Full PDB file with SEQRES, HELIX, SHEET, SSBOND, CRYST1, ORIGX, SCALE, CONECT and MASTER records, all heavy atoms in Angstrom:
SEQRES   1 A   38  LEU TYR PRO LEU VAL ALA ARG SER GLY ASP LYS ARG LYS          
SEQRES   2 A   38  LEU VAL GLU PHE LEU GLU GLU GLY GLY VAL GLU THR ARG          
SEQRES   3 A   38  ASP LEU LEU PRO LEU ILE ASN GLN PRO VAL TYR MET              
HELIX    1 AA1 ARG A   12  GLY A   21  1                                  10    
HELIX    2 AA2 LEU A   31  ASN A   33  5                                   3    
CRYST1    1.000    1.000    1.000  90.00  90.00  90.00 P 1           1          
ORIGX1      1.000000  0.000000  0.000000        0.00000                         
ORIGX2      0.000000  1.000000  0.000000        0.00000                         
ORIGX3      0.000000  0.000000  1.000000        0.00000                         
SCALE1      1.000000  0.000000  0.000000        0.00000                         
SCALE2      0.000000  1.000000  0.000000        0.00000                         
SCALE3      0.000000  0.000000  1.000000        0.00000                         
ATOM      1  N   LEU A   1      81.806 127.133 104.823  1.00  0.00           N  
ATOM      2  CA  LEU A   1      81.311 125.878 105.372  1.00  0.00           C  
ATOM      3  C   LEU A   1      79.823 125.907 105.250  1.00  0.00           C  
ATOM      4  O   LEU A   1      79.200 126.873 105.119  1.00  0.00           O  
ATOM      5  CB  LEU A   1      81.715 125.733 106.874  1.00  0.00           C  
ATOM      6  CG  LEU A   1      83.252 125.652 107.054  1.00  0.00           C  
ATOM      7  CD1 LEU A   1      83.593 125.861 108.531  1.00  0.00           C  
ATOM      8  CD2 LEU A   1      83.798 124.353 106.680  1.00  0.00           C  
ATOM      9  N   TYR A   2      79.160 124.736 105.405  1.00  0.00           N  
ATOM     10  CA  TYR A   2      77.737 124.657 105.338  1.00  0.00           C  
ATOM     11  C   TYR A   2      77.261 124.290 106.754  1.00  0.00           C  
ATOM     12  O   TYR A   2      77.475 123.290 107.099  1.00  0.00           O  
ATOM     13  CB  TYR A   2      77.364 123.536 104.400  1.00  0.00           C  
ATOM     14  CG  TYR A   2      75.860 123.494 104.057  1.00  0.00           C  
ATOM     15  CD1 TYR A   2      75.304 124.266 103.136  1.00  0.00           C  
ATOM     16  CD2 TYR A   2      74.984 122.590 104.683  1.00  0.00           C  
ATOM     17  CE1 TYR A   2      74.009 124.224 102.730  1.00  0.00           C  
ATOM     18  CE2 TYR A   2      73.762 122.456 104.395  1.00  0.00           C  
ATOM     19  CZ  TYR A   2      73.186 123.368 103.425  1.00  0.00           C  
ATOM     20  OH  TYR A   2      71.814 123.258 103.116  1.00  0.00           O  
ATOM     21  N   PRO A   3      76.507 125.253 107.394  1.00  0.00           N  
ATOM     22  CA  PRO A   3      76.081 125.043 108.820  1.00  0.00           C  
ATOM     23  C   PRO A   3      74.815 124.278 108.923  1.00  0.00           C  
ATOM     24  O   PRO A   3      73.813 124.586 108.076  1.00  0.00           O  
ATOM     25  CB  PRO A   3      75.975 126.555 109.273  1.00  0.00           C  
ATOM     26  CG  PRO A   3      75.511 127.328 108.113  1.00  0.00           C  
ATOM     27  CD  PRO A   3      76.288 126.671 106.971  1.00  0.00           C  
ATOM     28  N   LEU A   4      74.634 123.525 109.905  1.00  0.00           N  
ATOM     29  CA  LEU A   4      73.456 122.718 110.159  1.00  0.00           C  
ATOM     30  C   LEU A   4      73.200 122.676 111.649  1.00  0.00           C  
ATOM     31  O   LEU A   4      74.108 122.760 112.465  1.00  0.00           O  
ATOM     32  CB  LEU A   4      73.577 121.288 109.640  1.00  0.00           C  
ATOM     33  CG  LEU A   4      73.633 121.131 108.065  1.00  0.00           C  
ATOM     34  CD1 LEU A   4      74.297 119.791 107.694  1.00  0.00           C  
ATOM     35  CD2 LEU A   4      72.276 121.286 107.442  1.00  0.00           C  
ATOM     36  N   VAL A   5      71.877 122.629 112.022  1.00  0.00           N  
ATOM     37  CA  VAL A   5      71.536 122.404 113.340  1.00  0.00           C  
ATOM     38  C   VAL A   5      70.638 121.230 113.535  1.00  0.00           C  
ATOM     39  O   VAL A   5      69.608 121.201 112.868  1.00  0.00           O  
ATOM     40  CB  VAL A   5      70.866 123.686 113.931  1.00  0.00           C  
ATOM     41  CG1 VAL A   5      70.466 123.494 115.443  1.00  0.00           C  
ATOM     42  CG2 VAL A   5      71.730 124.935 113.713  1.00  0.00           C  
ATOM     43  N   ALA A   6      71.024 120.331 114.389  1.00  0.00           N  
ATOM     44  CA  ALA A   6      70.131 119.138 114.649  1.00  0.00           C  
ATOM     45  C   ALA A   6      68.961 119.547 115.487  1.00  0.00           C  
ATOM     46  O   ALA A   6      69.061 120.170 116.577  1.00  0.00           O  
ATOM     47  CB  ALA A   6      70.966 117.994 115.427  1.00  0.00           C  
ATOM     48  N   ARG A   7      67.774 119.298 114.913  1.00  0.00           N  
ATOM     49  CA  ARG A   7      66.547 119.763 115.575  1.00  0.00           C  
ATOM     50  C   ARG A   7      66.239 118.890 116.893  1.00  0.00           C  
ATOM     51  O   ARG A   7      65.540 119.440 117.771  1.00  0.00           O  
ATOM     52  CB  ARG A   7      65.362 119.670 114.668  1.00  0.00           C  
ATOM     53  CG  ARG A   7      65.434 120.739 113.574  1.00  0.00           C  
ATOM     54  CD  ARG A   7      64.061 120.885 112.908  1.00  0.00           C  
ATOM     55  NE  ARG A   7      64.114 121.750 111.774  1.00  0.00           N  
ATOM     56  CZ  ARG A   7      64.033 123.054 111.729  1.00  0.00           C  
ATOM     57  NH1 ARG A   7      63.835 123.641 112.911  1.00  0.00           N  
ATOM     58  NH2 ARG A   7      64.079 123.752 110.648  1.00  0.00           N  
ATOM     59  N   SER A   8      66.871 117.779 117.002  1.00  0.00           N  
ATOM     60  CA  SER A   8      66.715 116.997 118.222  1.00  0.00           C  
ATOM     61  C   SER A   8      67.412 117.609 119.440  1.00  0.00           C  
ATOM     62  O   SER A   8      67.208 117.265 120.588  1.00  0.00           O  
ATOM     63  CB  SER A   8      67.362 115.542 118.035  1.00  0.00           C  
ATOM     64  OG  SER A   8      68.751 115.648 117.940  1.00  0.00           O  
ATOM     65  N   GLY A   9      68.267 118.624 119.094  1.00  0.00           N  
ATOM     66  CA  GLY A   9      69.091 119.270 120.190  1.00  0.00           C  
ATOM     67  C   GLY A   9      70.355 118.665 120.539  1.00  0.00           C  
ATOM     68  O   GLY A   9      71.132 119.230 121.311  1.00  0.00           O  
ATOM     69  N   ASP A  10      70.740 117.519 119.957  1.00  0.00           N  
ATOM     70  CA  ASP A  10      71.986 116.879 120.181  1.00  0.00           C  
ATOM     71  C   ASP A  10      72.521 116.359 118.920  1.00  0.00           C  
ATOM     72  O   ASP A  10      71.871 115.413 118.230  1.00  0.00           O  
ATOM     73  CB  ASP A  10      71.853 115.718 121.207  1.00  0.00           C  
ATOM     74  CG  ASP A  10      73.149 115.216 121.673  1.00  0.00           C  
ATOM     75  OD1 ASP A  10      74.181 115.495 121.145  1.00  0.00           O  
ATOM     76  OD2 ASP A  10      73.131 114.436 122.679  1.00  0.00           O  
ATOM     77  N   LYS A  11      73.672 116.734 118.432  1.00  0.00           N  
ATOM     78  CA  LYS A  11      74.289 116.383 117.195  1.00  0.00           C  
ATOM     79  C   LYS A  11      75.155 115.171 117.306  1.00  0.00           C  
ATOM     80  O   LYS A  11      75.510 114.627 116.251  1.00  0.00           O  
ATOM     81  CB  LYS A  11      75.129 117.568 116.651  1.00  0.00           C  
ATOM     82  CG  LYS A  11      76.330 117.898 117.583  1.00  0.00           C  
ATOM     83  CD  LYS A  11      77.092 119.072 117.193  1.00  0.00           C  
ATOM     84  CE  LYS A  11      78.051 119.462 118.255  1.00  0.00           C  
ATOM     85  NZ  LYS A  11      78.543 120.750 118.142  1.00  0.00           N  
ATOM     86  N   ARG A  12      75.611 114.761 118.500  1.00  0.00           N  
ATOM     87  CA  ARG A  12      76.627 113.733 118.687  1.00  0.00           C  
ATOM     88  C   ARG A  12      76.462 112.538 117.866  1.00  0.00           C  
ATOM     89  O   ARG A  12      77.399 112.104 117.139  1.00  0.00           O  
ATOM     90  CB  ARG A  12      76.737 113.483 120.174  1.00  0.00           C  
ATOM     91  CG  ARG A  12      78.119 113.010 120.620  1.00  0.00           C  
ATOM     92  CD  ARG A  12      79.427 113.741 120.144  1.00  0.00           C  
ATOM     93  NE  ARG A  12      79.330 115.173 120.115  1.00  0.00           N  
ATOM     94  CZ  ARG A  12      79.982 115.930 119.265  1.00  0.00           C  
ATOM     95  NH1 ARG A  12      80.713 115.431 118.346  1.00  0.00           N  
ATOM     96  NH2 ARG A  12      79.896 117.246 119.238  1.00  0.00           N  
ATOM     97  N   LYS A  13      75.366 111.835 117.916  1.00  0.00           N  
ATOM     98  CA  LYS A  13      75.100 110.520 117.220  1.00  0.00           C  
ATOM     99  C   LYS A  13      75.179 110.824 115.742  1.00  0.00           C  
ATOM    100  O   LYS A  13      75.768 109.956 114.982  1.00  0.00           O  
ATOM    101  CB  LYS A  13      73.821 109.826 117.614  1.00  0.00           C  
ATOM    102  CG  LYS A  13      74.010 109.234 118.997  1.00  0.00           C  
ATOM    103  CD  LYS A  13      72.724 108.497 119.350  1.00  0.00           C  
ATOM    104  CE  LYS A  13      72.890 107.873 120.790  1.00  0.00           C  
ATOM    105  NZ  LYS A  13      71.682 107.268 121.328  1.00  0.00           N  
ATOM    106  N   LEU A  14      74.513 111.849 115.299  1.00  0.00           N  
ATOM    107  CA  LEU A  14      74.537 112.164 113.795  1.00  0.00           C  
ATOM    108  C   LEU A  14      75.982 112.485 113.256  1.00  0.00           C  
ATOM    109  O   LEU A  14      76.406 111.932 112.316  1.00  0.00           O  
ATOM    110  CB  LEU A  14      73.662 113.402 113.605  1.00  0.00           C  
ATOM    111  CG  LEU A  14      73.713 113.966 112.252  1.00  0.00           C  
ATOM    112  CD1 LEU A  14      73.279 112.971 111.172  1.00  0.00           C  
ATOM    113  CD2 LEU A  14      72.795 115.258 112.151  1.00  0.00           C  
ATOM    114  N   VAL A  15      76.730 113.244 114.019  1.00  0.00           N  
ATOM    115  CA  VAL A  15      78.108 113.544 113.652  1.00  0.00           C  
ATOM    116  C   VAL A  15      78.955 112.364 113.659  1.00  0.00           C  
ATOM    117  O   VAL A  15      79.683 112.166 112.641  1.00  0.00           O  
ATOM    118  CB  VAL A  15      78.685 114.686 114.537  1.00  0.00           C  
ATOM    119  CG1 VAL A  15      80.142 114.848 114.424  1.00  0.00           C  
ATOM    120  CG2 VAL A  15      77.952 116.048 114.276  1.00  0.00           C  
ATOM    121  N   GLU A  16      78.822 111.493 114.597  1.00  0.00           N  
ATOM    122  CA  GLU A  16      79.574 110.232 114.623  1.00  0.00           C  
ATOM    123  C   GLU A  16      79.185 109.360 113.391  1.00  0.00           C  
ATOM    124  O   GLU A  16      80.141 108.780 112.768  1.00  0.00           O  
ATOM    125  CB  GLU A  16      79.298 109.494 115.917  1.00  0.00           C  
ATOM    126  CG  GLU A  16      80.004 110.214 117.164  1.00  0.00           C  
ATOM    127  CD  GLU A  16      79.574 109.417 118.499  1.00  0.00           C  
ATOM    128  OE1 GLU A  16      78.897 108.448 118.438  1.00  0.00           O  
ATOM    129  OE2 GLU A  16      79.957 110.035 119.469  1.00  0.00           O  
ATOM    130  N   PHE A  17      77.946 109.235 113.106  1.00  0.00           N  
ATOM    131  CA  PHE A  17      77.499 108.513 111.953  1.00  0.00           C  
ATOM    132  C   PHE A  17      78.017 109.066 110.648  1.00  0.00           C  
ATOM    133  O   PHE A  17      78.626 108.292 109.821  1.00  0.00           O  
ATOM    134  CB  PHE A  17      75.930 108.522 111.898  1.00  0.00           C  
ATOM    135  CG  PHE A  17      75.381 107.723 110.744  1.00  0.00           C  
ATOM    136  CD1 PHE A  17      75.185 106.329 110.873  1.00  0.00           C  
ATOM    137  CD2 PHE A  17      75.022 108.298 109.636  1.00  0.00           C  
ATOM    138  CE1 PHE A  17      74.740 105.537 109.813  1.00  0.00           C  
ATOM    139  CE2 PHE A  17      74.502 107.570 108.492  1.00  0.00           C  
ATOM    140  CZ  PHE A  17      74.361 106.189 108.603  1.00  0.00           C  
ATOM    141  N   LEU A  18      78.049 110.366 110.509  1.00  0.00           N  
ATOM    142  CA  LEU A  18      78.551 110.956 109.257  1.00  0.00           C  
ATOM    143  C   LEU A  18      80.051 110.744 109.204  1.00  0.00           C  
ATOM    144  O   LEU A  18      80.503 110.346 108.100  1.00  0.00           O  
ATOM    145  CB  LEU A  18      78.271 112.453 109.304  1.00  0.00           C  
ATOM    146  CG  LEU A  18      76.741 112.920 109.217  1.00  0.00           C  
ATOM    147  CD1 LEU A  18      76.658 114.428 109.423  1.00  0.00           C  
ATOM    148  CD2 LEU A  18      76.188 112.529 107.775  1.00  0.00           C  
ATOM    149  N   GLU A  19      80.750 110.969 110.300  1.00  0.00           N  
ATOM    150  CA  GLU A  19      82.213 110.771 110.177  1.00  0.00           C  
ATOM    151  C   GLU A  19      82.563 109.397 109.871  1.00  0.00           C  
ATOM    152  O   GLU A  19      83.525 109.107 109.151  1.00  0.00           O  
ATOM    153  CB  GLU A  19      82.818 111.179 111.677  1.00  0.00           C  
ATOM    154  CG  GLU A  19      82.764 112.700 111.867  1.00  0.00           C  
ATOM    155  CD  GLU A  19      83.910 113.505 111.139  1.00  0.00           C  
ATOM    156  OE1 GLU A  19      84.886 112.832 110.779  1.00  0.00           O  
ATOM    157  OE2 GLU A  19      83.753 114.684 111.092  1.00  0.00           O  
ATOM    158  N   GLU A  20      81.880 108.418 110.520  1.00  0.00           N  
ATOM    159  CA  GLU A  20      82.232 106.989 110.238  1.00  0.00           C  
ATOM    160  C   GLU A  20      81.892 106.593 108.785  1.00  0.00           C  
ATOM    161  O   GLU A  20      82.586 105.674 108.172  1.00  0.00           O  
ATOM    162  CB  GLU A  20      81.384 106.137 111.220  1.00  0.00           C  
ATOM    163  CG  GLU A  20      81.803 106.133 112.661  1.00  0.00           C  
ATOM    164  CD  GLU A  20      80.752 105.425 113.528  1.00  0.00           C  
ATOM    165  OE1 GLU A  20      79.792 104.878 113.095  1.00  0.00           O  
ATOM    166  OE2 GLU A  20      80.996 105.477 114.753  1.00  0.00           O  
ATOM    167  N   GLY A  21      80.981 107.281 108.090  1.00  0.00           N  
ATOM    168  CA  GLY A  21      80.601 107.151 106.781  1.00  0.00           C  
ATOM    169  C   GLY A  21      81.429 107.896 105.772  1.00  0.00           C  
ATOM    170  O   GLY A  21      81.131 107.930 104.606  1.00  0.00           O  
ATOM    171  N   GLY A  22      82.401 108.742 106.175  1.00  0.00           N  
ATOM    172  CA  GLY A  22      83.291 109.507 105.354  1.00  0.00           C  
ATOM    173  C   GLY A  22      82.877 110.918 105.021  1.00  0.00           C  
ATOM    174  O   GLY A  22      83.403 111.504 104.155  1.00  0.00           O  
ATOM    175  N   VAL A  23      81.999 111.376 105.869  1.00  0.00           N  
ATOM    176  CA  VAL A  23      81.600 112.932 105.747  1.00  0.00           C  
ATOM    177  C   VAL A  23      82.156 113.650 106.867  1.00  0.00           C  
ATOM    178  O   VAL A  23      81.836 113.391 107.999  1.00  0.00           O  
ATOM    179  CB  VAL A  23      80.039 112.985 105.732  1.00  0.00           C  
ATOM    180  CG1 VAL A  23      79.652 114.486 105.682  1.00  0.00           C  
ATOM    181  CG2 VAL A  23      79.364 112.217 104.598  1.00  0.00           C  
ATOM    182  N   GLU A  24      83.109 114.482 106.554  1.00  0.00           N  
ATOM    183  CA  GLU A  24      83.768 115.244 107.617  1.00  0.00           C  
ATOM    184  C   GLU A  24      82.752 116.359 108.095  1.00  0.00           C  
ATOM    185  O   GLU A  24      82.080 116.872 107.471  1.00  0.00           O  
ATOM    186  CB  GLU A  24      85.116 115.945 107.056  1.00  0.00           C  
ATOM    187  CG  GLU A  24      86.275 115.157 106.971  1.00  0.00           C  
ATOM    188  CD  GLU A  24      87.495 116.008 106.761  1.00  0.00           C  
ATOM    189  OE1 GLU A  24      87.670 117.019 107.377  1.00  0.00           O  
ATOM    190  OE2 GLU A  24      88.257 115.573 105.814  1.00  0.00           O  
ATOM    191  N   THR A  25      82.953 116.503 109.435  1.00  0.00           N  
ATOM    192  CA  THR A  25      82.147 117.621 110.119  1.00  0.00           C  
ATOM    193  C   THR A  25      83.102 118.467 110.972  1.00  0.00           C  
ATOM    194  O   THR A  25      84.316 118.055 111.279  1.00  0.00           O  
ATOM    195  CB  THR A  25      81.050 116.968 111.067  1.00  0.00           C  
ATOM    196  OG1 THR A  25      81.722 116.287 112.100  1.00  0.00           O  
ATOM    197  CG2 THR A  25      80.134 116.091 110.252  1.00  0.00           C  
ATOM    198  N   ARG A  26      82.591 119.629 111.334  1.00  0.00           N  
ATOM    199  CA  ARG A  26      83.325 120.404 112.288  1.00  0.00           C  
ATOM    200  C   ARG A  26      82.274 120.935 113.259  1.00  0.00           C  
ATOM    201  O   ARG A  26      81.181 121.447 112.894  1.00  0.00           O  
ATOM    202  CB  ARG A  26      83.982 121.563 111.698  1.00  0.00           C  
ATOM    203  CG  ARG A  26      85.025 121.276 110.683  1.00  0.00           C  
ATOM    204  CD  ARG A  26      86.399 120.808 111.459  1.00  0.00           C  
ATOM    205  NE  ARG A  26      87.439 120.541 110.544  1.00  0.00           N  
ATOM    206  CZ  ARG A  26      87.749 119.315 110.129  1.00  0.00           C  
ATOM    207  NH1 ARG A  26      86.955 118.362 110.339  1.00  0.00           N  
ATOM    208  NH2 ARG A  26      88.734 119.136 109.332  1.00  0.00           N  
ATOM    209  N   ASP A  27      82.545 121.088 114.502  1.00  0.00           N  
ATOM    210  CA  ASP A  27      81.708 121.749 115.545  1.00  0.00           C  
ATOM    211  C   ASP A  27      81.653 123.195 115.236  1.00  0.00           C  
ATOM    212  O   ASP A  27      82.659 123.841 114.903  1.00  0.00           O  
ATOM    213  CB  ASP A  27      82.159 121.423 116.975  1.00  0.00           C  
ATOM    214  CG  ASP A  27      81.860 120.057 117.452  1.00  0.00           C  
ATOM    215  OD1 ASP A  27      81.017 119.331 116.899  1.00  0.00           O  
ATOM    216  OD2 ASP A  27      82.561 119.681 118.386  1.00  0.00           O  
ATOM    217  N   LEU A  28      80.501 123.735 115.461  1.00  0.00           N  
ATOM    218  CA  LEU A  28      80.225 125.169 115.469  1.00  0.00           C  
ATOM    219  C   LEU A  28      80.648 125.645 116.940  1.00  0.00           C  
ATOM    220  O   LEU A  28      80.233 124.956 117.816  1.00  0.00           O  
ATOM    221  CB  LEU A  28      78.803 125.532 115.109  1.00  0.00           C  
ATOM    222  CG  LEU A  28      78.522 127.072 115.130  1.00  0.00           C  
ATOM    223  CD1 LEU A  28      77.811 127.382 113.897  1.00  0.00           C  
ATOM    224  CD2 LEU A  28      77.705 127.425 116.421  1.00  0.00           C  
ATOM    225  N   LEU A  29      81.563 126.476 117.056  1.00  0.00           N  
ATOM    226  CA  LEU A  29      82.097 126.873 118.293  1.00  0.00           C  
ATOM    227  C   LEU A  29      81.734 128.250 118.713  1.00  0.00           C  
ATOM    228  O   LEU A  29      82.542 129.158 118.461  1.00  0.00           O  
ATOM    229  CB  LEU A  29      83.554 126.571 118.455  1.00  0.00           C  
ATOM    230  CG  LEU A  29      84.016 125.192 118.266  1.00  0.00           C  
ATOM    231  CD1 LEU A  29      85.515 125.095 118.132  1.00  0.00           C  
ATOM    232  CD2 LEU A  29      83.485 124.267 119.365  1.00  0.00           C  
ATOM    233  N   PRO A  30      80.609 128.522 119.342  1.00  0.00           N  
ATOM    234  CA  PRO A  30      80.295 129.951 119.827  1.00  0.00           C  
ATOM    235  C   PRO A  30      81.467 130.290 120.800  1.00  0.00           C  
ATOM    236  O   PRO A  30      82.052 129.452 121.548  1.00  0.00           O  
ATOM    237  CB  PRO A  30      78.989 129.827 120.516  1.00  0.00           C  
ATOM    238  CG  PRO A  30      78.347 128.704 119.889  1.00  0.00           C  
ATOM    239  CD  PRO A  30      79.473 127.703 119.528  1.00  0.00           C  
ATOM    240  N   LEU A  31      81.810 131.516 120.854  1.00  0.00           N  
ATOM    241  CA  LEU A  31      82.977 131.985 121.669  1.00  0.00           C  
ATOM    242  C   LEU A  31      82.892 131.735 123.097  1.00  0.00           C  
ATOM    243  O   LEU A  31      83.868 131.612 123.838  1.00  0.00           O  
ATOM    244  CB  LEU A  31      83.093 133.548 121.441  1.00  0.00           C  
ATOM    245  CG  LEU A  31      83.660 133.929 120.039  1.00  0.00           C  
ATOM    246  CD1 LEU A  31      83.684 135.490 119.963  1.00  0.00           C  
ATOM    247  CD2 LEU A  31      84.971 133.315 119.733  1.00  0.00           C  
ATOM    248  N   ILE A  32      81.655 131.563 123.610  1.00  0.00           N  
ATOM    249  CA  ILE A  32      81.501 131.453 125.066  1.00  0.00           C  
ATOM    250  C   ILE A  32      82.182 130.225 125.663  1.00  0.00           C  
ATOM    251  O   ILE A  32      82.451 130.111 126.865  1.00  0.00           O  
ATOM    252  CB  ILE A  32      80.002 131.489 125.570  1.00  0.00           C  
ATOM    253  CG1 ILE A  32      79.167 130.370 124.957  1.00  0.00           C  
ATOM    254  CG2 ILE A  32      79.434 132.823 125.175  1.00  0.00           C  
ATOM    255  CD1 ILE A  32      77.869 130.183 125.698  1.00  0.00           C  
ATOM    256  N   ASN A  33      82.456 129.155 124.753  1.00  0.00           N  
ATOM    257  CA  ASN A  33      83.016 127.908 125.330  1.00  0.00           C  
ATOM    258  C   ASN A  33      84.455 127.761 124.918  1.00  0.00           C  
ATOM    259  O   ASN A  33      85.109 126.691 125.138  1.00  0.00           O  
ATOM    260  CB  ASN A  33      82.176 126.733 124.904  1.00  0.00           C  
ATOM    261  CG  ASN A  33      82.340 126.467 123.422  1.00  0.00           C  
ATOM    262  OD1 ASN A  33      82.657 127.327 122.674  1.00  0.00           O  
ATOM    263  ND2 ASN A  33      81.913 125.165 122.968  1.00  0.00           N  
ATOM    264  N   GLN A  34      85.078 128.839 124.479  1.00  0.00           N  
ATOM    265  CA  GLN A  34      86.475 128.827 124.217  1.00  0.00           C  
ATOM    266  C   GLN A  34      87.316 129.016 125.497  1.00  0.00           C  
ATOM    267  O   GLN A  34      86.917 129.659 126.348  1.00  0.00           O  
ATOM    268  CB  GLN A  34      86.897 129.932 123.236  1.00  0.00           C  
ATOM    269  CG  GLN A  34      86.174 129.865 121.816  1.00  0.00           C  
ATOM    270  CD  GLN A  34      86.547 128.549 121.149  1.00  0.00           C  
ATOM    271  OE1 GLN A  34      87.730 128.292 120.912  1.00  0.00           O  
ATOM    272  NE2 GLN A  34      85.615 127.769 120.912  1.00  0.00           N  
ATOM    273  N   PRO A  35      88.373 128.179 125.620  1.00  0.00           N  
ATOM    274  CA  PRO A  35      89.079 128.082 126.841  1.00  0.00           C  
ATOM    275  C   PRO A  35      89.598 129.438 127.440  1.00  0.00           C  
ATOM    276  O   PRO A  35      89.400 129.696 128.606  1.00  0.00           O  
ATOM    277  CB  PRO A  35      90.316 127.226 126.591  1.00  0.00           C  
ATOM    278  CG  PRO A  35      89.809 126.329 125.439  1.00  0.00           C  
ATOM    279  CD  PRO A  35      88.827 127.192 124.609  1.00  0.00           C  
ATOM    280  N   VAL A  36      89.899 130.374 126.585  1.00  0.00           N  
ATOM    281  CA  VAL A  36      90.493 131.628 127.017  1.00  0.00           C  
ATOM    282  C   VAL A  36      89.354 132.413 127.626  1.00  0.00           C  
ATOM    283  O   VAL A  36      89.449 133.053 128.702  1.00  0.00           O  
ATOM    284  CB  VAL A  36      91.154 132.473 125.848  1.00  0.00           C  
ATOM    285  CG1 VAL A  36      90.205 132.784 124.805  1.00  0.00           C  
ATOM    286  CG2 VAL A  36      91.912 133.652 126.418  1.00  0.00           C  
ATOM    287  N   TYR A  37      88.206 132.401 127.067  1.00  0.00           N  
ATOM    288  CA  TYR A  37      86.991 133.186 127.582  1.00  0.00           C  
ATOM    289  C   TYR A  37      86.481 132.486 128.861  1.00  0.00           C  
ATOM    290  O   TYR A  37      86.007 133.165 129.723  1.00  0.00           O  
ATOM    291  CB  TYR A  37      85.895 133.290 126.506  1.00  0.00           C  
ATOM    292  CG  TYR A  37      86.348 134.189 125.404  1.00  0.00           C  
ATOM    293  CD1 TYR A  37      86.523 133.677 124.131  1.00  0.00           C  
ATOM    294  CD2 TYR A  37      86.556 135.519 125.591  1.00  0.00           C  
ATOM    295  CE1 TYR A  37      87.018 134.423 123.084  1.00  0.00           C  
ATOM    296  CE2 TYR A  37      87.046 136.309 124.653  1.00  0.00           C  
ATOM    297  CZ  TYR A  37      87.226 135.793 123.353  1.00  0.00           C  
ATOM    298  OH  TYR A  37      87.664 136.552 122.358  1.00  0.00           O  
ATOM    299  N   MET A  38      86.491 131.115 128.850  1.00  0.00           N  
ATOM    300  CA  MET A  38      86.048 130.439 130.107  1.00  0.00           C  
ATOM    301  C   MET A  38      87.016 130.773 131.264  1.00  0.00           C  
ATOM    302  O   MET A  38      86.615 130.932 132.361  1.00  0.00           O  
ATOM    303  CB  MET A  38      86.000 128.954 129.904  1.00  0.00           C  
ATOM    304  CG  MET A  38      84.815 128.587 128.873  1.00  0.00           C  
ATOM    305  SD  MET A  38      84.527 126.851 128.855  1.00  0.00           S  
ATOM    306  CE  MET A  38      83.762 126.561 130.398  1.00  0.00           C  
TER     307      MET A  38                                                      
MASTER        0    0    0    2    0    0    0    6  306    1    0    3          
END                                                                             
């Protein structure tokens, strides 16, 4: 996969714009927010 980080600190609007335009995205999921670890 090709990883990116939004310098604004919030990816949500960018990801929604990409998805609406036909570019699939996936969240990067560090382990600390996985349900089993929480």
